Protein backbone atom coordinates (compact mmCIF):
# COMPACT_ATOMS: atom_id res chain seq x y z
CA UNK A 1 -38.41 -20.52 -3.02
CA UNK A 2 -41.43 -21.32 -5.15
CA UNK A 3 -43.35 -22.53 -2.16
CA UNK A 4 -42.44 -19.43 -0.11
CA UNK A 5 -43.56 -17.22 -2.78
CA UNK A 6 -46.84 -19.17 -3.28
CA UNK A 7 -47.51 -19.15 0.48
CA UNK A 8 -46.84 -15.30 0.54
CA UNK A 9 -49.18 -14.65 -2.28
CA UNK A 10 -51.92 -16.81 -0.69
CA UNK A 11 -51.51 -15.07 2.68
CA UNK A 12 -51.68 -11.62 1.12
CA UNK A 13 -54.59 -12.43 -1.01
CA UNK A 14 -56.45 -13.93 1.93
CA UNK A 15 -55.85 -10.94 4.13
CA UNK A 16 -56.99 -8.51 1.40
CA UNK A 17 -60.13 -10.61 0.99
CA UNK A 18 -60.78 -10.65 4.72
CA UNK A 19 -60.30 -6.88 4.82
CA UNK A 20 -62.59 -6.19 1.85
CA UNK A 21 -65.41 -8.67 3.01
CA UNK A 22 -65.27 -8.06 6.75
CA UNK A 23 -65.77 -4.31 6.76
CA UNK A 24 -63.51 -4.30 9.78
CA UNK A 25 -60.29 -2.29 10.14
CA UNK A 26 -56.86 -3.85 9.64
CA UNK A 27 -56.13 -3.22 13.40
CA UNK A 28 -59.33 -5.16 14.45
CA UNK A 29 -58.49 -8.10 12.01
CA UNK A 30 -54.98 -8.19 13.34
CA UNK A 31 -56.17 -8.09 17.05
CA UNK A 32 -58.47 -10.89 16.32
CA UNK A 33 -55.69 -13.15 15.22
CA UNK A 34 -52.94 -12.23 17.57
CA UNK A 35 -52.74 -14.37 20.44
CA UNK A 36 -51.00 -12.91 23.54
CA UNK A 37 -47.29 -14.05 23.57
CA UNK A 38 -47.95 -15.98 20.31
CA UNK A 39 -46.02 -16.12 16.94
CA UNK A 40 -47.90 -13.08 15.46
CA UNK A 41 -47.40 -11.03 18.66
CA UNK A 42 -43.62 -11.88 18.51
CA UNK A 43 -43.33 -10.90 14.82
CA UNK A 44 -45.19 -7.54 15.47
CA UNK A 45 -42.77 -6.76 18.49
CA UNK A 46 -39.79 -7.32 16.23
CA UNK A 47 -41.29 -4.78 13.61
CA UNK A 48 -41.74 -2.28 16.48
CA UNK A 49 -38.21 -2.98 17.67
CA UNK A 50 -36.77 -2.57 14.20
CA UNK A 51 -38.69 0.61 13.69
CA UNK A 52 -40.27 -0.93 10.47
CA UNK A 53 -43.06 1.74 10.37
CA UNK A 54 -40.58 4.55 10.31
CA UNK A 55 -38.64 2.75 7.55
CA UNK A 56 -41.73 2.33 5.45
CA UNK A 57 -42.78 5.91 6.03
CA UNK A 58 -39.34 7.16 4.99
CA UNK A 59 -39.34 5.00 1.83
CA UNK A 60 -42.78 6.21 0.76
CA UNK A 61 -41.81 9.77 1.35
CA UNK A 62 -38.60 9.30 -0.80
CA UNK A 63 -40.77 7.75 -3.55
CA UNK A 64 -43.21 10.66 -3.32
CA UNK A 65 -40.44 13.28 -3.40
CA UNK A 66 -38.86 11.60 -6.43
CA UNK A 67 -42.05 11.28 -8.30
CA UNK A 68 -42.64 15.08 -7.77
CA UNK A 69 -39.14 15.65 -9.17
CA UNK A 70 -39.84 13.52 -12.22
CA UNK A 71 -43.08 15.31 -12.95
């Protein structure tokens, strides 16, 4: 579990640094590392199939709505 957390932190830190330093959009950076029919493409397809974007948008809306109620 510790190694998984460590790898996750390193991956996110590296991605954030690349985004900050490159001046490129997140989409462009993702396209640059996504091989056709590769592992990243498979993961992204699973996110689409699971409607991950919709789930995240709904969660953000719920948090916003609740913060407005608390204000």
